[in-house]
Amino acid sequence: KKPLPREHSERLYELSRVIDAVGRAYHGNAERATLFLTRSHPLLNGQSPLDLARSSSAGADAVLNLLRRAEAGVAL
């Protein structure tokens, strides 16, 4: 019944932002979203978006930026 430490709370928030953005990008298709999150991506230095997002706030931002670029029509 203790509150989460600030670091954990912030990490969960960042991860939830990524998962929400991926869900929107794949129009709620859970299978495609899961594949995107779990496969390595060349524009993320070969890391999976999920692993990178879990590693740090900067990692989560990198995944969100990749999704924004895709949404804007930038070739990935």
N, C-alpha and C. Protein backbone atom coordinates (compact mmCIF):
# COMPACT_ATOMS: atom_id res chain seq x y z
N LYS A 1 0.81 -1.20 0.00
CA LYS A 1 0.00 0.00 0.00
C LYS A 1 0.85 1.27 0.00
N LYS A 2 2.13 1.11 -0.30
CA LYS A 2 2.99 2.28 -0.40
C LYS A 2 2.89 2.86 -1.80
N PRO A 3 3.07 4.15 -1.92
CA PRO A 3 3.10 4.74 -3.26
C PRO A 3 4.38 4.30 -3.99
N LEU A 4 4.29 4.28 -5.31
CA LEU A 4 5.47 3.93 -6.10
C LEU A 4 6.53 5.01 -5.96
N PRO A 5 7.78 4.59 -5.96
CA PRO A 5 8.83 5.62 -6.00
C PRO A 5 8.68 6.46 -7.27
N ARG A 6 9.12 7.69 -7.20
CA ARG A 6 8.96 8.61 -8.32
C ARG A 6 9.54 8.04 -9.61
N GLU A 7 10.72 7.44 -9.54
CA GLU A 7 11.37 6.89 -10.74
C GLU A 7 10.51 5.82 -11.40
N HIS A 8 9.93 4.93 -10.61
CA HIS A 8 9.06 3.88 -11.16
C HIS A 8 7.80 4.48 -11.76
N SER A 9 7.26 5.45 -11.08
CA SER A 9 6.05 6.10 -11.57
C SER A 9 6.30 6.79 -12.91
N GLU A 10 7.42 7.48 -13.02
CA GLU A 10 7.77 8.15 -14.27
C GLU A 10 8.01 7.15 -15.39
N ARG A 11 8.66 6.05 -15.07
CA ARG A 11 8.95 5.02 -16.08
C ARG A 11 7.65 4.40 -16.59
N LEU A 12 6.71 4.12 -15.70
CA LEU A 12 5.42 3.58 -16.11
C LEU A 12 4.65 4.57 -16.98
N TYR A 13 4.74 5.84 -16.62
CA TYR A 13 4.07 6.86 -17.42
C TYR A 13 4.64 6.91 -18.84
N GLU A 14 5.96 6.91 -18.96
CA GLU A 14 6.59 6.93 -20.28
C GLU A 14 6.22 5.70 -21.09
N LEU A 15 6.24 4.55 -20.46
CA LEU A 15 5.90 3.31 -21.15
C LEU A 15 4.44 3.33 -21.60
N SER A 16 3.56 3.86 -20.77
CA SER A 16 2.15 3.92 -21.15
C SER A 16 1.94 4.87 -22.33
N ARG A 17 2.72 5.95 -22.40
CA ARG A 17 2.64 6.86 -23.55
C ARG A 17 3.01 6.13 -24.84
N VAL A 18 4.07 5.31 -24.78
CA VAL A 18 4.51 4.57 -25.95
C VAL A 18 3.45 3.56 -26.36
N ILE A 19 2.94 2.80 -25.42
CA ILE A 19 1.94 1.78 -25.75
C ILE A 19 0.69 2.42 -26.33
N ASP A 20 0.27 3.56 -25.77
CA ASP A 20 -0.88 4.27 -26.30
C ASP A 20 -0.64 4.74 -27.74
N ALA A 21 0.54 5.30 -27.98
CA ALA A 21 0.87 5.79 -29.33
C ALA A 21 0.94 4.65 -30.34
N VAL A 22 1.49 3.52 -29.94
CA VAL A 22 1.56 2.36 -30.84
C VAL A 22 0.15 1.86 -31.14
N GLY A 23 -0.69 1.82 -30.13
CA GLY A 23 -2.07 1.39 -30.34
C GLY A 23 -2.80 2.28 -31.34
N ARG A 24 -2.57 3.58 -31.23
CA ARG A 24 -3.19 4.51 -32.19
C ARG A 24 -2.60 4.32 -33.58
N ALA A 25 -1.29 4.16 -33.66
CA ALA A 25 -0.62 4.01 -34.96
C ALA A 25 -1.12 2.76 -35.70
N TYR A 26 -1.42 1.73 -34.95
CA TYR A 26 -1.89 0.48 -35.57
C TYR A 26 -3.40 0.32 -35.45
N HIS A 27 -4.09 1.42 -35.18
CA HIS A 27 -5.56 1.47 -35.15
C HIS A 27 -6.16 0.35 -34.30
N GLY A 28 -5.55 0.11 -33.14
CA GLY A 28 -6.08 -0.86 -32.20
C GLY A 28 -5.79 -2.31 -32.54
N ASN A 29 -5.04 -2.57 -33.61
CA ASN A 29 -4.71 -3.95 -33.98
C ASN A 29 -3.61 -4.45 -33.04
N ALA A 30 -4.01 -5.20 -32.02
CA ALA A 30 -3.10 -5.63 -30.98
C ALA A 30 -1.98 -6.52 -31.51
N GLU A 31 -2.28 -7.35 -32.49
CA GLU A 31 -1.25 -8.26 -33.03
C GLU A 31 -0.14 -7.46 -33.72
N ARG A 32 -0.53 -6.51 -34.57
CA ARG A 32 0.47 -5.70 -35.27
C ARG A 32 1.23 -4.80 -34.30
N ALA A 33 0.53 -4.26 -33.32
CA ALA A 33 1.19 -3.40 -32.33
C ALA A 33 2.21 -4.20 -31.53
N THR A 34 1.84 -5.41 -31.15
CA THR A 34 2.76 -6.27 -30.40
C THR A 34 3.99 -6.60 -31.23
N LEU A 35 3.80 -6.90 -32.50
CA LEU A 35 4.94 -7.18 -33.37
C LEU A 35 5.87 -5.98 -33.46
N PHE A 36 5.30 -4.80 -33.62
CA PHE A 36 6.13 -3.59 -33.68
C PHE A 36 6.91 -3.43 -32.37
N LEU A 37 6.25 -3.59 -31.26
CA LEU A 37 6.89 -3.36 -29.97
C LEU A 37 7.99 -4.36 -29.65
N THR A 38 7.87 -5.58 -30.15
CA THR A 38 8.78 -6.64 -29.71
C THR A 38 9.89 -6.98 -30.71
N ARG A 39 9.78 -6.52 -31.93
CA ARG A 39 10.83 -6.80 -32.93
C ARG A 39 11.88 -5.70 -32.91
N SER A 40 13.12 -6.12 -33.18
CA SER A 40 14.18 -5.11 -33.26
C SER A 40 13.90 -4.18 -34.44
N HIS A 41 14.32 -2.94 -34.30
CA HIS A 41 14.07 -1.95 -35.35
C HIS A 41 15.39 -1.29 -35.72
N PRO A 42 15.71 -1.24 -37.03
CA PRO A 42 16.99 -0.67 -37.44
C PRO A 42 17.17 0.81 -37.07
N LEU A 43 16.11 1.56 -37.02
CA LEU A 43 16.23 2.98 -36.67
C LEU A 43 16.31 3.21 -35.16
N LEU A 44 16.25 2.12 -34.42
CA LEU A 44 16.42 2.20 -32.96
C LEU A 44 17.67 1.41 -32.55
N ASN A 45 18.65 1.45 -33.43
CA ASN A 45 19.92 0.74 -33.21
C ASN A 45 19.72 -0.74 -32.95
N GLY A 46 18.75 -1.32 -33.62
CA GLY A 46 18.51 -2.76 -33.52
C GLY A 46 17.77 -3.19 -32.26
N GLN A 47 17.39 -2.26 -31.43
CA GLN A 47 16.64 -2.61 -30.22
C GLN A 47 15.16 -2.68 -30.54
N SER A 48 14.44 -3.42 -29.74
CA SER A 48 12.99 -3.43 -29.91
C SER A 48 12.45 -2.15 -29.28
N PRO A 49 11.38 -1.60 -29.83
CA PRO A 49 10.79 -0.40 -29.24
C PRO A 49 10.43 -0.58 -27.75
N LEU A 50 9.92 -1.75 -27.40
CA LEU A 50 9.54 -1.98 -26.01
C LEU A 50 10.75 -1.95 -25.09
N ASP A 51 11.83 -2.63 -25.49
CA ASP A 51 13.03 -2.62 -24.65
C ASP A 51 13.61 -1.21 -24.52
N LEU A 52 13.63 -0.48 -25.63
CA LEU A 52 14.17 0.86 -25.58
C LEU A 52 13.30 1.78 -24.72
N ALA A 53 11.99 1.66 -24.86
CA ALA A 53 11.08 2.48 -24.05
C ALA A 53 11.20 2.16 -22.57
N ARG A 54 11.43 0.90 -22.25
CA ARG A 54 11.57 0.52 -20.84
C ARG A 54 12.90 0.95 -20.24
N SER A 55 13.89 1.19 -21.09
CA SER A 55 15.23 1.47 -20.58
C SER A 55 15.36 2.86 -19.96
N SER A 56 14.66 3.86 -20.52
CA SER A 56 14.79 5.22 -20.01
C SER A 56 13.74 6.13 -20.65
N SER A 57 13.63 7.31 -20.10
CA SER A 57 12.72 8.31 -20.68
C SER A 57 13.21 8.70 -22.07
N ALA A 58 14.52 8.78 -22.25
CA ALA A 58 15.07 9.11 -23.56
C ALA A 58 14.74 8.01 -24.57
N GLY A 59 14.76 6.76 -24.12
CA GLY A 59 14.39 5.66 -24.99
C GLY A 59 12.93 5.73 -25.40
N ALA A 60 12.07 6.05 -24.45
CA ALA A 60 10.65 6.21 -24.76
C ALA A 60 10.45 7.35 -25.75
N ASP A 61 11.18 8.44 -25.56
CA ASP A 61 11.08 9.56 -26.48
C ASP A 61 11.53 9.18 -27.89
N ALA A 62 12.57 8.36 -27.99
CA ALA A 62 13.05 7.91 -29.30
C ALA A 62 11.98 7.11 -30.03
N VAL A 63 11.28 6.25 -29.30
CA VAL A 63 10.21 5.46 -29.91
C VAL A 63 9.06 6.37 -30.32
N LEU A 64 8.69 7.31 -29.48
CA LEU A 64 7.61 8.24 -29.82
C LEU A 64 7.98 9.09 -31.03
N ASN A 65 9.23 9.51 -31.12
CA ASN A 65 9.67 10.28 -32.29
C ASN A 65 9.59 9.45 -33.56
N LEU A 66 9.95 8.19 -33.48
CA LEU A 66 9.85 7.29 -34.62
C LEU A 66 8.40 7.17 -35.07
N LEU A 67 7.49 7.03 -34.13
CA LEU A 67 6.07 6.93 -34.47
C LEU A 67 5.54 8.22 -35.07
N ARG A 68 5.99 9.36 -34.55
CA ARG A 68 5.57 10.65 -35.10
C ARG A 68 6.05 10.81 -36.55
N ARG A 69 7.29 10.37 -36.79
CA ARG A 69 7.81 10.46 -38.16
C ARG A 69 7.02 9.57 -39.09
N ALA A 70 6.66 8.40 -38.64
CA ALA A 70 5.86 7.49 -39.47
C ALA A 70 4.49 8.10 -39.75
N GLU A 71 3.88 8.71 -38.74
CA GLU A 71 2.59 9.33 -38.89
C GLU A 71 2.63 10.50 -39.87
N ALA A 72 3.78 11.21 -39.88
CA ALA A 72 3.94 12.35 -40.77
C ALA A 72 4.28 11.93 -42.20
N GLY A 73 4.48 10.63 -42.38
CA GLY A 73 4.77 10.13 -43.72
C GLY A 73 6.22 10.08 -44.09
N VAL A 74 7.11 10.24 -43.09
CA VAL A 74 8.54 10.14 -43.34
C VAL A 74 8.87 8.67 -43.54
N ALA A 75 9.62 8.36 -44.57
CA ALA A 75 9.96 6.96 -44.84
C ALA A 75 10.80 6.40 -43.70
N LEU A 76 10.40 5.23 -43.25
CA LEU A 76 11.13 4.56 -42.19
C LEU A 76 11.72 3.32 -42.77
